[in-house]
């Protein structure tokens, strides 16, 4: 299976200006105490043996006329080390439930329907600036015989010397996030696991590893 390098995220001029100003004020030690992204278990639906496409757009499949059902969103960010340095060449595997709350995995007991036009997983490699981007659908909360989960996206990140498994949560789901068992187990690292809204249907989430 090949990995496709993602294009870098699109950042608004306003967001860029704010970030540049903050860096100028904070100085070179701005990222010295950056909190690493909270770690979470892989979960039971890791896409072992996946034979589908491997690109950044999970909403379109080769040979399918229709796009995946649900609200299309863009999520972008960078993989960084704890000092704020970009981690280029990091390998990312991600997987998620579809817009109905079901994974395209043989072991998922959920009764929600599958979406034959949804990819469900992707594999990416960060660029020289540690950047990555995906286009996907916002997952619905997961409700099945094995439990209720708030909407989230799973990530398996392999840096040069460190590997992290994490789950990304959505900012507008704060009430449901607070009731989620795995989110609760993150403790002080909850803030590192929630993406930031970056306009309508867009989110930003940087992944900070212990080291490069």
N, C-alpha and C. Protein backbone atom coordinates (compact mmCIF):
# COMPACT_ATOMS: atom_id res chain seq x y z
N UNK A 1 0.84 -1.19 0.00
CA UNK A 1 0.00 0.00 0.00
C UNK A 1 0.87 1.24 0.00
N UNK A 2 0.62 2.16 -0.94
CA UNK A 2 1.45 3.35 -0.98
C UNK A 2 0.91 4.44 -0.07
N UNK A 3 1.79 5.28 0.38
CA UNK A 3 1.42 6.43 1.18
C UNK A 3 1.43 7.65 0.29
N UNK A 4 0.44 8.50 0.40
CA UNK A 4 0.40 9.72 -0.38
C UNK A 4 0.70 10.90 0.51
N UNK A 5 1.62 11.73 0.07
CA UNK A 5 1.95 12.91 0.85
C UNK A 5 0.83 13.92 0.72
N UNK A 6 0.37 14.45 1.83
CA UNK A 6 -0.71 15.42 1.79
C UNK A 6 -0.18 16.77 1.39
N UNK A 7 -1.06 17.60 0.82
CA UNK A 7 -0.71 18.98 0.60
C UNK A 7 -0.85 19.72 1.91
N UNK A 8 -0.16 20.81 2.08
CA UNK A 8 -0.20 21.54 3.34
C UNK A 8 -1.53 22.18 3.56
N UNK A 9 -1.88 22.51 4.80
CA UNK A 9 -3.16 23.10 5.12
C UNK A 9 -3.24 24.53 4.62
N UNK A 10 -4.44 24.97 4.29
CA UNK A 10 -4.67 26.34 3.90
C UNK A 10 -4.95 27.16 5.14
N UNK A 11 -4.16 28.21 5.38
CA UNK A 11 -4.30 29.03 6.58
C UNK A 11 -4.70 30.44 6.17
N UNK A 12 -5.72 30.96 6.81
CA UNK A 12 -6.18 32.29 6.48
C UNK A 12 -5.12 33.33 6.81
N UNK A 13 -5.17 34.51 6.13
CA UNK A 13 -4.21 35.56 6.42
C UNK A 13 -4.31 36.02 7.86
N UNK A 14 -5.53 36.10 8.37
CA UNK A 14 -5.73 36.55 9.75
C UNK A 14 -5.08 35.59 10.73
N UNK A 15 -5.30 34.27 10.50
CA UNK A 15 -4.72 33.27 11.40
C UNK A 15 -3.21 33.30 11.33
N UNK A 16 -2.66 33.52 10.11
CA UNK A 16 -1.21 33.57 9.96
C UNK A 16 -0.64 34.77 10.70
N UNK A 17 -1.33 35.91 10.57
CA UNK A 17 -0.85 37.13 11.22
C UNK A 17 -0.87 37.00 12.73
N UNK A 18 -1.93 36.40 13.26
CA UNK A 18 -2.03 36.20 14.70
C UNK A 18 -0.92 35.28 15.19
N UNK A 19 -0.67 34.20 14.44
CA UNK A 19 0.37 33.26 14.83
C UNK A 19 1.75 33.89 14.79
N UNK A 20 2.00 34.71 13.76
CA UNK A 20 3.30 35.37 13.64
C UNK A 20 3.52 36.36 14.78
N UNK A 21 2.46 37.10 15.12
CA UNK A 21 2.57 38.07 16.20
C UNK A 21 2.85 37.38 17.53
N UNK A 22 2.16 36.28 17.75
CA UNK A 22 2.34 35.54 19.01
C UNK A 22 3.76 35.00 19.11
N UNK A 23 4.30 34.52 17.99
CA UNK A 23 5.65 33.98 18.00
C UNK A 23 6.67 35.08 18.28
N UNK A 24 6.41 36.27 17.71
CA UNK A 24 7.34 37.38 17.91
C UNK A 24 7.39 37.80 19.36
N UNK A 25 6.22 37.79 20.02
CA UNK A 25 6.15 38.18 21.43
C UNK A 25 6.77 37.12 22.32
N UNK A 26 6.47 35.86 22.02
CA UNK A 26 6.92 34.77 22.88
C UNK A 26 8.40 34.49 22.72
N UNK A 27 8.92 34.71 21.50
CA UNK A 27 10.34 34.48 21.29
C UNK A 27 10.64 33.02 20.99
N UNK A 28 11.91 32.65 20.90
CA UNK A 28 12.30 31.31 20.48
C UNK A 28 11.91 30.22 21.44
N UNK A 29 11.54 30.56 22.67
CA UNK A 29 11.16 29.51 23.62
C UNK A 29 9.65 29.29 23.66
N UNK A 30 8.93 29.79 22.65
CA UNK A 30 7.47 29.74 22.66
C UNK A 30 6.95 28.31 22.79
N UNK A 31 7.66 27.34 22.18
CA UNK A 31 7.17 25.98 22.16
C UNK A 31 7.89 25.08 23.17
N UNK A 32 8.74 25.65 23.98
CA UNK A 32 9.58 24.84 24.85
C UNK A 32 8.78 23.95 25.78
N UNK A 33 7.62 24.43 26.23
CA UNK A 33 6.82 23.67 27.18
C UNK A 33 5.55 23.12 26.53
N UNK A 34 5.55 22.93 25.20
CA UNK A 34 4.37 22.44 24.51
C UNK A 34 3.96 21.08 25.06
N UNK A 35 2.69 20.94 25.37
CA UNK A 35 2.19 19.67 25.91
C UNK A 35 2.06 18.66 24.79
N UNK A 36 2.51 17.44 25.03
CA UNK A 36 2.36 16.39 24.03
C UNK A 36 0.89 16.00 23.92
N UNK A 37 0.53 15.54 22.76
CA UNK A 37 -0.85 15.13 22.51
C UNK A 37 -1.20 13.91 23.37
N UNK A 38 -2.39 13.92 23.95
CA UNK A 38 -2.81 12.82 24.80
C UNK A 38 -2.89 11.49 24.07
N UNK A 39 -2.44 10.44 24.73
CA UNK A 39 -2.43 9.11 24.13
C UNK A 39 -3.70 8.35 24.48
N UNK A 40 -4.22 7.62 23.50
CA UNK A 40 -5.43 6.81 23.67
C UNK A 40 -5.21 5.44 23.04
N UNK A 41 -5.99 4.43 23.44
CA UNK A 41 -5.81 3.09 22.87
C UNK A 41 -6.22 3.05 21.40
N UNK A 42 -5.69 2.06 20.68
CA UNK A 42 -6.04 1.89 19.28
C UNK A 42 -7.52 1.62 19.07
N UNK A 43 -8.13 0.90 20.00
CA UNK A 43 -9.52 0.53 19.82
C UNK A 43 -9.65 -0.74 18.99
N UNK A 44 -10.86 -1.28 18.90
CA UNK A 44 -11.05 -2.57 18.24
C UNK A 44 -11.18 -2.52 16.72
N UNK A 45 -11.15 -1.33 16.12
CA UNK A 45 -11.44 -1.25 14.68
C UNK A 45 -10.27 -0.73 13.85
N UNK A 46 -9.06 -0.94 14.34
CA UNK A 46 -7.88 -0.55 13.56
C UNK A 46 -7.94 -1.25 12.20
N UNK A 47 -7.69 -0.50 11.11
CA UNK A 47 -7.87 -1.07 9.76
C UNK A 47 -6.76 -2.02 9.34
N UNK A 48 -6.66 -3.16 9.99
CA UNK A 48 -5.66 -4.17 9.64
C UNK A 48 -6.03 -4.79 8.29
N UNK A 49 -5.06 -4.89 7.41
CA UNK A 49 -5.31 -5.52 6.12
C UNK A 49 -6.13 -4.67 5.18
N UNK A 50 -6.22 -3.37 5.42
CA UNK A 50 -7.03 -2.51 4.55
C UNK A 50 -6.47 -2.51 3.14
N UNK A 51 -7.36 -2.66 2.16
CA UNK A 51 -6.93 -2.72 0.76
C UNK A 51 -7.57 -1.61 -0.08
N UNK A 52 -8.10 -0.60 0.55
CA UNK A 52 -8.74 0.49 -0.18
C UNK A 52 -7.73 1.52 -0.65
N UNK A 53 -8.24 2.70 -0.99
CA UNK A 53 -7.37 3.77 -1.45
C UNK A 53 -6.58 4.38 -0.29
N UNK A 54 -5.50 5.04 -0.62
CA UNK A 54 -4.67 5.70 0.39
C UNK A 54 -4.39 7.13 -0.06
N UNK A 55 -5.36 8.00 0.10
CA UNK A 55 -5.16 9.41 -0.20
C UNK A 55 -5.86 10.24 0.86
N UNK A 56 -5.75 11.56 0.75
CA UNK A 56 -6.23 12.43 1.82
C UNK A 56 -7.74 12.68 1.76
N UNK A 57 -8.41 12.32 0.67
CA UNK A 57 -9.85 12.56 0.54
C UNK A 57 -10.61 11.26 0.79
N UNK A 58 -11.23 11.17 1.96
CA UNK A 58 -11.98 9.97 2.32
C UNK A 58 -13.39 9.96 1.75
N UNK A 59 -13.80 11.07 1.14
CA UNK A 59 -15.20 11.20 0.71
C UNK A 59 -15.43 10.75 -0.72
N UNK A 60 -14.36 10.46 -1.45
CA UNK A 60 -14.52 10.03 -2.84
C UNK A 60 -13.69 8.78 -3.08
N UNK A 61 -14.32 7.80 -3.70
CA UNK A 61 -13.65 6.54 -4.02
C UNK A 61 -13.55 6.40 -5.54
N UNK A 62 -12.44 5.90 -5.99
CA UNK A 62 -12.24 5.70 -7.42
C UNK A 62 -13.32 4.80 -7.99
N UNK A 63 -13.94 5.25 -9.08
CA UNK A 63 -14.97 4.47 -9.73
C UNK A 63 -16.36 4.66 -9.17
N UNK A 64 -16.49 5.47 -8.10
CA UNK A 64 -17.80 5.74 -7.50
C UNK A 64 -18.30 7.10 -7.97
N UNK A 65 -19.54 7.13 -8.44
CA UNK A 65 -20.10 8.39 -8.93
C UNK A 65 -20.53 9.30 -7.79
N UNK A 66 -20.90 8.71 -6.66
CA UNK A 66 -21.41 9.51 -5.55
C UNK A 66 -20.34 9.76 -4.50
N UNK A 67 -20.50 10.89 -3.83
CA UNK A 67 -19.62 11.23 -2.73
C UNK A 67 -20.18 10.62 -1.45
N UNK A 68 -19.34 10.44 -0.45
CA UNK A 68 -19.79 9.90 0.84
C UNK A 68 -20.89 10.77 1.42
N UNK A 69 -21.81 10.13 2.13
CA UNK A 69 -22.91 10.86 2.76
C UNK A 69 -22.43 11.53 4.05
N UNK A 70 -23.08 12.66 4.38
CA UNK A 70 -22.74 13.37 5.61
C UNK A 70 -22.18 14.75 5.34
N UNK A 71 -21.83 15.44 6.42
CA UNK A 71 -21.26 16.78 6.33
C UNK A 71 -19.76 16.69 6.04
N UNK A 72 -19.36 17.18 4.88
CA UNK A 72 -17.95 17.14 4.48
C UNK A 72 -17.17 18.19 5.27
N UNK A 73 -16.04 17.77 5.83
CA UNK A 73 -15.20 18.67 6.61
C UNK A 73 -13.76 18.54 6.16
N UNK A 74 -12.95 19.53 6.50
CA UNK A 74 -11.51 19.48 6.27
C UNK A 74 -10.81 19.59 7.62
N UNK A 75 -9.84 18.74 7.83
CA UNK A 75 -9.03 18.80 9.04
C UNK A 75 -7.58 18.89 8.61
N UNK A 76 -6.86 19.87 9.16
CA UNK A 76 -5.46 20.07 8.79
C UNK A 76 -4.64 20.34 10.03
N UNK A 77 -3.35 20.10 9.93
CA UNK A 77 -2.48 20.37 11.07
C UNK A 77 -1.05 20.01 10.74
N UNK A 78 -0.24 19.93 11.78
CA UNK A 78 1.16 19.53 11.62
C UNK A 78 1.54 18.54 12.71
N UNK A 79 2.55 17.75 12.44
CA UNK A 79 3.16 16.91 13.46
C UNK A 79 4.41 17.64 13.93
N UNK A 80 4.51 17.86 15.25
CA UNK A 80 5.60 18.63 15.83
C UNK A 80 6.26 17.84 16.95
N UNK A 81 7.51 18.21 17.28
CA UNK A 81 8.09 17.67 18.50
C UNK A 81 7.79 18.63 19.64
N UNK A 82 8.24 18.31 20.84
CA UNK A 82 7.85 19.10 22.00
C UNK A 82 8.46 20.50 22.02
N UNK A 83 9.41 20.76 21.13
CA UNK A 83 10.00 22.10 21.03
C UNK A 83 9.39 22.91 19.90
N UNK A 84 8.40 22.32 19.23
CA UNK A 84 7.73 23.02 18.14
C UNK A 84 8.35 22.82 16.79
N UNK A 85 9.34 21.93 16.69
CA UNK A 85 9.97 21.65 15.40
C UNK A 85 9.10 20.71 14.58
N UNK A 86 8.95 20.96 13.28
CA UNK A 86 8.14 20.07 12.45
C UNK A 86 8.78 18.70 12.30
N UNK A 87 7.96 17.67 12.28
CA UNK A 87 8.44 16.31 12.06
C UNK A 87 8.06 15.92 10.64
N UNK A 88 9.01 16.04 9.74
CA UNK A 88 8.76 15.67 8.35
C UNK A 88 8.83 14.16 8.19
N UNK A 89 8.09 13.65 7.22
CA UNK A 89 8.12 12.22 6.94
C UNK A 89 7.43 11.35 7.97
N UNK A 90 6.65 11.96 8.87
CA UNK A 90 5.90 11.16 9.84
C UNK A 90 4.78 10.42 9.10
N UNK A 91 4.54 9.19 9.49
CA UNK A 91 3.50 8.37 8.86
C UNK A 91 2.25 8.39 9.73
N UNK A 92 1.14 8.72 9.12
CA UNK A 92 -0.13 8.80 9.83
C UNK A 92 -1.13 7.82 9.24
N UNK A 93 -1.73 7.03 10.10
CA UNK A 93 -2.86 6.19 9.72
C UNK A 93 -4.05 6.69 10.53
N UNK A 94 -5.17 6.95 9.87
CA UNK A 94 -6.36 7.40 10.58
C UNK A 94 -7.56 6.58 10.15
N UNK A 95 -8.52 6.48 11.06
CA UNK A 95 -9.75 5.74 10.76
C UNK A 95 -10.87 6.29 11.62
N UNK A 96 -12.10 6.15 11.15
CA UNK A 96 -13.24 6.74 11.84
C UNK A 96 -14.54 6.08 11.44
N UNK A 97 -15.58 6.36 12.23
CA UNK A 97 -16.92 5.94 11.88
C UNK A 97 -17.46 6.85 10.78
N UNK A 98 -18.45 6.38 10.07
CA UNK A 98 -19.05 7.20 9.01
C UNK A 98 -20.08 8.16 9.59
N UNK A 99 -20.82 8.81 8.72
CA UNK A 99 -21.79 9.82 9.16
C UNK A 99 -22.98 9.21 9.89
N UNK A 100 -23.10 7.88 9.87
CA UNK A 100 -24.17 7.20 10.59
C UNK A 100 -23.70 6.60 11.91
N UNK A 101 -22.39 6.61 12.14
CA UNK A 101 -21.84 6.07 13.38
C UNK A 101 -21.42 4.63 13.28
N UNK A 102 -20.90 4.21 12.13
CA UNK A 102 -20.45 2.83 11.98
C UNK A 102 -19.09 2.79 11.27
N UNK A 103 -18.24 1.88 11.73
CA UNK A 103 -16.95 1.66 11.10
C UNK A 103 -17.07 0.61 9.99
N UNK A 104 -16.29 0.76 8.93
CA UNK A 104 -16.25 -0.26 7.88
C UNK A 104 -15.27 -1.34 8.30
N UNK A 105 -15.64 -2.06 9.35
CA UNK A 105 -14.78 -3.09 9.92
C UNK A 105 -15.64 -4.30 10.25
N UNK A 106 -15.13 -5.48 9.94
CA UNK A 106 -15.91 -6.71 10.12
C UNK A 106 -16.33 -6.95 11.56
N UNK A 107 -15.59 -6.42 12.53
CA UNK A 107 -15.89 -6.67 13.93
C UNK A 107 -16.81 -5.63 14.57
N UNK A 108 -17.27 -4.65 13.78
CA UNK A 108 -18.14 -3.62 14.35
C UNK A 108 -19.56 -4.17 14.48
N UNK A 109 -20.09 -4.27 15.72
CA UNK A 109 -21.44 -4.82 15.91
C UNK A 109 -22.54 -3.77 15.76
N UNK A 110 -22.21 -2.54 15.44
CA UNK A 110 -23.22 -1.49 15.33
C UNK A 110 -24.23 -1.83 14.24
N UNK A 111 -25.47 -1.40 14.44
CA UNK A 111 -26.52 -1.68 13.47
C UNK A 111 -26.72 -0.52 12.50
N UNK A 112 -26.00 0.58 12.70
CA UNK A 112 -26.08 1.71 11.77
C UNK A 112 -25.61 1.26 10.39
N UNK A 113 -26.11 1.89 9.33
CA UNK A 113 -25.74 1.44 7.97
C UNK A 113 -24.31 1.78 7.58
N UNK A 114 -23.75 0.99 6.71
CA UNK A 114 -22.48 1.29 6.09
C UNK A 114 -22.69 2.29 4.95
N UNK A 115 -21.64 2.99 4.58
CA UNK A 115 -21.69 3.89 3.44
C UNK A 115 -20.69 3.38 2.41
N UNK A 116 -21.15 2.76 1.32
CA UNK A 116 -20.22 2.18 0.34
C UNK A 116 -19.36 3.21 -0.37
N UNK A 117 -19.69 4.50 -0.23
CA UNK A 117 -18.93 5.55 -0.89
C UNK A 117 -17.96 6.26 0.06
N UNK A 118 -17.83 5.74 1.27
CA UNK A 118 -16.94 6.36 2.25
C UNK A 118 -15.71 5.50 2.46
N UNK A 119 -14.54 6.11 2.39
CA UNK A 119 -13.28 5.39 2.51
C UNK A 119 -13.04 4.87 3.92
N UNK A 120 -13.31 5.69 4.93
CA UNK A 120 -13.21 5.23 6.31
C UNK A 120 -11.84 5.26 6.94
N UNK A 121 -10.79 5.26 6.11
CA UNK A 121 -9.43 5.30 6.64
C UNK A 121 -8.51 5.93 5.60
N UNK A 122 -7.37 6.39 6.04
CA UNK A 122 -6.39 6.98 5.13
C UNK A 122 -5.00 6.82 5.70
N UNK A 123 -4.01 6.89 4.83
CA UNK A 123 -2.61 6.85 5.23
C UNK A 123 -1.91 8.03 4.58
N UNK A 124 -1.20 8.80 5.37
CA UNK A 124 -0.54 10.01 4.90
C UNK A 124 0.91 10.05 5.35
N UNK A 125 1.68 10.91 4.72
CA UNK A 125 3.05 11.20 5.15
C UNK A 125 3.18 12.72 5.21
N UNK A 126 3.67 13.24 6.32
CA UNK A 126 3.79 14.69 6.46
C UNK A 126 4.86 15.25 5.53
N UNK A 127 4.67 16.52 5.12
CA UNK A 127 5.63 17.16 4.23
C UNK A 127 6.80 17.74 5.03
N UNK A 128 7.62 18.56 4.41
CA UNK A 128 8.83 19.07 5.06
C UNK A 128 8.52 19.95 6.26
N UNK A 129 7.32 20.53 6.27
CA UNK A 129 6.91 21.36 7.40
C UNK A 129 6.10 20.58 8.43
N UNK A 130 6.05 19.26 8.27
CA UNK A 130 5.27 18.43 9.19
C UNK A 130 3.78 18.51 8.95
N UNK A 131 3.36 19.09 7.82
CA UNK A 131 1.94 19.35 7.57
C UNK A 131 1.21 18.16 6.96
N UNK A 132 -0.06 18.11 7.23
CA UNK A 132 -0.95 17.11 6.66
C UNK A 132 -2.35 17.72 6.53
N UNK A 133 -3.19 17.08 5.73
CA UNK A 133 -4.56 17.56 5.54
C UNK A 133 -5.44 16.40 5.10
N UNK A 134 -6.67 16.37 5.57
CA UNK A 134 -7.64 15.38 5.10
C UNK A 134 -8.96 16.06 4.79
N UNK A 135 -9.71 15.45 3.89
CA UNK A 135 -11.10 15.81 3.62
C UNK A 135 -11.92 14.57 3.98
N UNK A 136 -12.89 14.72 4.84
CA UNK A 136 -13.65 13.57 5.30
C UNK A 136 -15.08 14.00 5.64
N UNK A 137 -15.84 13.15 6.26
CA UNK A 137 -17.16 13.53 6.76
C UNK A 137 -17.09 13.54 8.28
N UNK A 138 -17.87 14.39 8.87
CA UNK A 138 -17.87 14.42 10.33
C UNK A 138 -18.54 13.15 10.85
N UNK A 139 -17.81 12.39 11.68
CA UNK A 139 -18.40 11.14 12.18
C UNK A 139 -19.52 11.41 13.18
N UNK A 140 -20.51 10.54 13.15
CA UNK A 140 -21.57 10.62 14.15
C UNK A 140 -21.08 9.94 15.42
N UNK A 141 -21.72 10.24 16.54
CA UNK A 141 -21.38 9.52 17.76
C UNK A 141 -21.59 8.04 17.53
N UNK A 142 -20.81 7.23 18.23
CA UNK A 142 -20.84 5.78 18.05
C UNK A 142 -21.71 5.16 19.13
N UNK A 143 -22.73 4.42 18.71
CA UNK A 143 -23.65 3.79 19.67
C UNK A 143 -23.87 2.35 19.24
N UNK A 144 -23.37 1.42 20.05
CA UNK A 144 -23.49 0.00 19.71
C UNK A 144 -23.50 -0.81 20.99
N UNK A 145 -23.63 -2.14 20.87
CA UNK A 145 -23.61 -2.97 22.09
C UNK A 145 -22.35 -2.84 22.93
N UNK A 146 -21.25 -2.33 22.34
CA UNK A 146 -20.03 -2.21 23.14
C UNK A 146 -19.88 -0.84 23.78
N UNK A 147 -20.86 0.04 23.58
CA UNK A 147 -20.81 1.32 24.29
C UNK A 147 -21.13 2.53 23.44
N UNK A 148 -21.22 3.67 24.11
CA UNK A 148 -21.52 4.95 23.47
C UNK A 148 -20.25 5.80 23.47
N UNK A 149 -19.88 6.32 22.32
CA UNK A 149 -18.70 7.17 22.20
C UNK A 149 -19.07 8.49 21.53
N UNK A 150 -18.44 9.55 22.00
CA UNK A 150 -18.60 10.85 21.38
C UNK A 150 -17.91 10.84 20.01
N UNK A 151 -18.29 11.70 19.07
CA UNK A 151 -17.61 11.73 17.75
C UNK A 151 -16.10 11.93 17.89
N UNK A 152 -15.33 11.17 17.14
CA UNK A 152 -13.88 11.24 17.23
C UNK A 152 -13.25 10.61 16.00
N UNK A 153 -11.98 10.89 15.79
CA UNK A 153 -11.20 10.27 14.72
C UNK A 153 -9.95 9.65 15.36
N UNK A 154 -9.65 8.42 14.99
CA UNK A 154 -8.47 7.71 15.52
C UNK A 154 -7.24 8.03 14.68
N UNK A 155 -6.09 8.09 15.37
CA UNK A 155 -4.82 8.35 14.70
C UNK A 155 -3.73 7.44 15.24
N UNK A 156 -2.91 6.94 14.34
CA UNK A 156 -1.71 6.18 14.69
C UNK A 156 -0.56 6.92 14.00
N UNK A 157 0.31 7.56 14.79
CA UNK A 157 1.33 8.46 14.23
C UNK A 157 2.72 7.89 14.52
N UNK A 158 3.49 7.71 13.49
CA UNK A 158 4.86 7.20 13.63
C UNK A 158 5.84 8.30 13.23
N UNK A 159 6.51 8.88 14.23
CA UNK A 159 7.56 9.85 13.96
C UNK A 159 8.88 9.14 13.72
N UNK A 160 9.97 9.87 13.79
CA UNK A 160 11.28 9.25 13.53
C UNK A 160 11.70 8.31 14.66
N UNK A 161 11.34 8.66 15.90
CA UNK A 161 11.74 7.81 17.03
C UNK A 161 10.60 7.53 18.00
N UNK A 162 9.42 8.09 17.75
CA UNK A 162 8.32 7.94 18.69
C UNK A 162 7.03 7.66 17.96
N UNK A 163 6.21 6.79 18.55
CA UNK A 163 4.91 6.45 17.99
C UNK A 163 3.82 6.83 18.98
N UNK A 164 2.74 7.38 18.45
CA UNK A 164 1.63 7.84 19.29
C UNK A 164 0.31 7.36 18.71
N UNK A 165 -0.54 6.81 19.55
CA UNK A 165 -1.92 6.53 19.16
C UNK A 165 -2.80 7.51 19.90
N UNK A 166 -3.67 8.18 19.17
CA UNK A 166 -4.45 9.26 19.75
C UNK A 166 -5.84 9.29 19.13
N UNK A 167 -6.73 10.06 19.75
CA UNK A 167 -8.05 10.29 19.21
C UNK A 167 -8.32 11.79 19.20
N UNK A 168 -8.82 12.28 18.08
CA UNK A 168 -9.13 13.70 17.93
C UNK A 168 -10.62 13.91 18.15
N UNK A 169 -10.96 14.88 19.00
CA UNK A 169 -12.35 15.18 19.32
C UNK A 169 -12.74 16.54 18.74
N UNK A 170 -14.04 16.81 18.69
CA UNK A 170 -14.55 18.03 18.08
C UNK A 170 -14.96 19.04 19.14
N UNK A 171 -14.67 20.33 18.91
CA UNK A 171 -14.94 21.35 19.93
C UNK A 171 -16.42 21.57 20.22
N UNK A 172 -17.28 21.40 19.22
CA UNK A 172 -18.70 21.62 19.44
C UNK A 172 -19.37 20.46 20.19
N UNK A 173 -18.61 19.40 20.45
CA UNK A 173 -19.16 18.26 21.17
C UNK A 173 -18.76 18.24 22.63
N UNK A 174 -18.53 19.41 23.22
CA UNK A 174 -18.00 19.49 24.59
C UNK A 174 -18.84 18.72 25.60
N UNK A 175 -20.16 18.85 25.51
CA UNK A 175 -21.03 18.19 26.50
C UNK A 175 -20.92 16.67 26.40
N UNK A 176 -20.92 16.16 25.17
CA UNK A 176 -20.82 14.71 25.00
C UNK A 176 -19.39 14.24 25.27
N UNK A 177 -18.40 15.07 24.91
CA UNK A 177 -17.01 14.71 25.22
C UNK A 177 -16.83 14.49 26.72
N UNK A 178 -17.44 15.37 27.51
CA UNK A 178 -17.28 15.30 28.96
C UNK A 178 -17.83 14.01 29.55
N UNK A 179 -18.77 13.38 28.85
CA UNK A 179 -19.37 12.14 29.33
C UNK A 179 -18.68 10.90 28.78
N UNK A 180 -17.72 11.10 27.88
CA UNK A 180 -17.04 9.99 27.22
C UNK A 180 -15.95 9.43 28.13
N UNK A 181 -15.94 8.13 28.33
CA UNK A 181 -15.01 7.51 29.27
C UNK A 181 -13.55 7.72 28.86
N UNK A 182 -13.23 7.47 27.59
CA UNK A 182 -11.85 7.59 27.15
C UNK A 182 -11.38 9.04 27.15
N UNK A 183 -12.26 9.95 26.80
CA UNK A 183 -11.90 11.37 26.86
C UNK A 183 -11.61 11.76 28.31
N UNK A 184 -12.43 11.26 29.23
CA UNK A 184 -12.23 11.56 30.65
C UNK A 184 -10.91 11.06 31.17
N UNK A 185 -10.43 9.94 30.63
CA UNK A 185 -9.16 9.36 31.08
C UNK A 185 -7.95 10.19 30.66
N UNK A 186 -8.13 11.13 29.73
CA UNK A 186 -7.02 11.96 29.28
C UNK A 186 -6.58 12.96 30.34
N UNK A 187 -7.48 13.29 31.26
CA UNK A 187 -7.14 14.22 32.33
C UNK A 187 -6.66 15.56 31.81
N UNK A 188 -5.49 16.04 32.27
CA UNK A 188 -4.99 17.35 31.84
C UNK A 188 -4.70 17.45 30.35
N UNK A 189 -4.59 16.31 29.67
CA UNK A 189 -4.28 16.32 28.24
C UNK A 189 -5.53 16.39 27.35
N UNK A 190 -6.68 16.61 27.96
CA UNK A 190 -7.90 16.72 27.15
C UNK A 190 -7.79 17.84 26.12
N UNK A 191 -7.21 18.96 26.54
CA UNK A 191 -7.13 20.12 25.64
C UNK A 191 -6.29 19.81 24.41
N UNK A 192 -5.31 18.92 24.52
CA UNK A 192 -4.45 18.59 23.38
C UNK A 192 -5.14 17.67 22.38
N UNK A 193 -6.30 17.14 22.75
CA UNK A 193 -6.99 16.17 21.91
C UNK A 193 -8.22 16.74 21.23
N UNK A 194 -8.52 18.01 21.46
CA UNK A 194 -9.69 18.65 20.86
C UNK A 194 -9.22 19.58 19.74
N UNK A 195 -9.76 19.38 18.55
CA UNK A 195 -9.41 20.23 17.42
C UNK A 195 -9.99 21.63 17.60
N UNK A 196 -9.40 22.58 16.93
CA UNK A 196 -9.90 23.96 16.95
C UNK A 196 -10.70 24.23 15.69
N UNK A 197 -11.84 24.88 15.82
CA UNK A 197 -12.63 25.26 14.65
C UNK A 197 -11.86 26.32 13.87
N UNK A 198 -11.81 26.17 12.55
CA UNK A 198 -11.05 27.09 11.71
C UNK A 198 -11.92 27.56 10.54
N UNK A 199 -13.15 27.95 10.88
CA UNK A 199 -14.10 28.34 9.85
C UNK A 199 -15.14 27.26 9.66
N UNK A 200 -16.12 27.54 8.82
CA UNK A 200 -17.21 26.59 8.59
C UNK A 200 -16.69 25.29 7.99
N UNK A 201 -16.92 24.19 8.70
CA UNK A 201 -16.52 22.89 8.20
C UNK A 201 -15.03 22.64 8.17
N UNK A 202 -14.26 23.46 8.87
CA UNK A 202 -12.81 23.29 8.88
C UNK A 202 -12.30 23.24 10.31
N UNK A 203 -11.30 22.38 10.53
CA UNK A 203 -10.71 22.20 11.85
C UNK A 203 -9.20 22.17 11.73
N UNK A 204 -8.54 22.57 12.81
CA UNK A 204 -7.09 22.48 12.87
C UNK A 204 -6.69 21.71 14.12
N UNK A 205 -5.75 20.78 13.94
CA UNK A 205 -5.31 19.95 15.05
C UNK A 205 -3.84 19.58 14.86
N UNK A 206 -2.97 20.15 15.68
CA UNK A 206 -1.56 19.81 15.63
C UNK A 206 -1.29 18.64 16.57
N UNK A 207 -0.45 17.74 16.13
CA UNK A 207 -0.09 16.55 16.89
C UNK A 207 1.33 16.73 17.41
N UNK A 208 1.49 16.74 18.74
CA UNK A 208 2.81 16.97 19.34
C UNK A 208 3.33 15.67 19.94
N UNK A 209 4.47 15.22 19.44
CA UNK A 209 5.09 14.00 19.91
C UNK A 209 6.09 14.30 21.03
N UNK A 210 6.45 13.28 21.77
CA UNK A 210 7.43 13.44 22.84
C UNK A 210 8.77 13.91 22.28
N UNK A 211 9.12 13.38 21.12
CA UNK A 211 10.39 13.74 20.48
C UNK A 211 10.22 13.60 18.99
N UNK A 212 11.28 13.83 18.27
CA UNK A 212 11.21 13.77 16.81
C UNK A 212 11.16 12.35 16.30
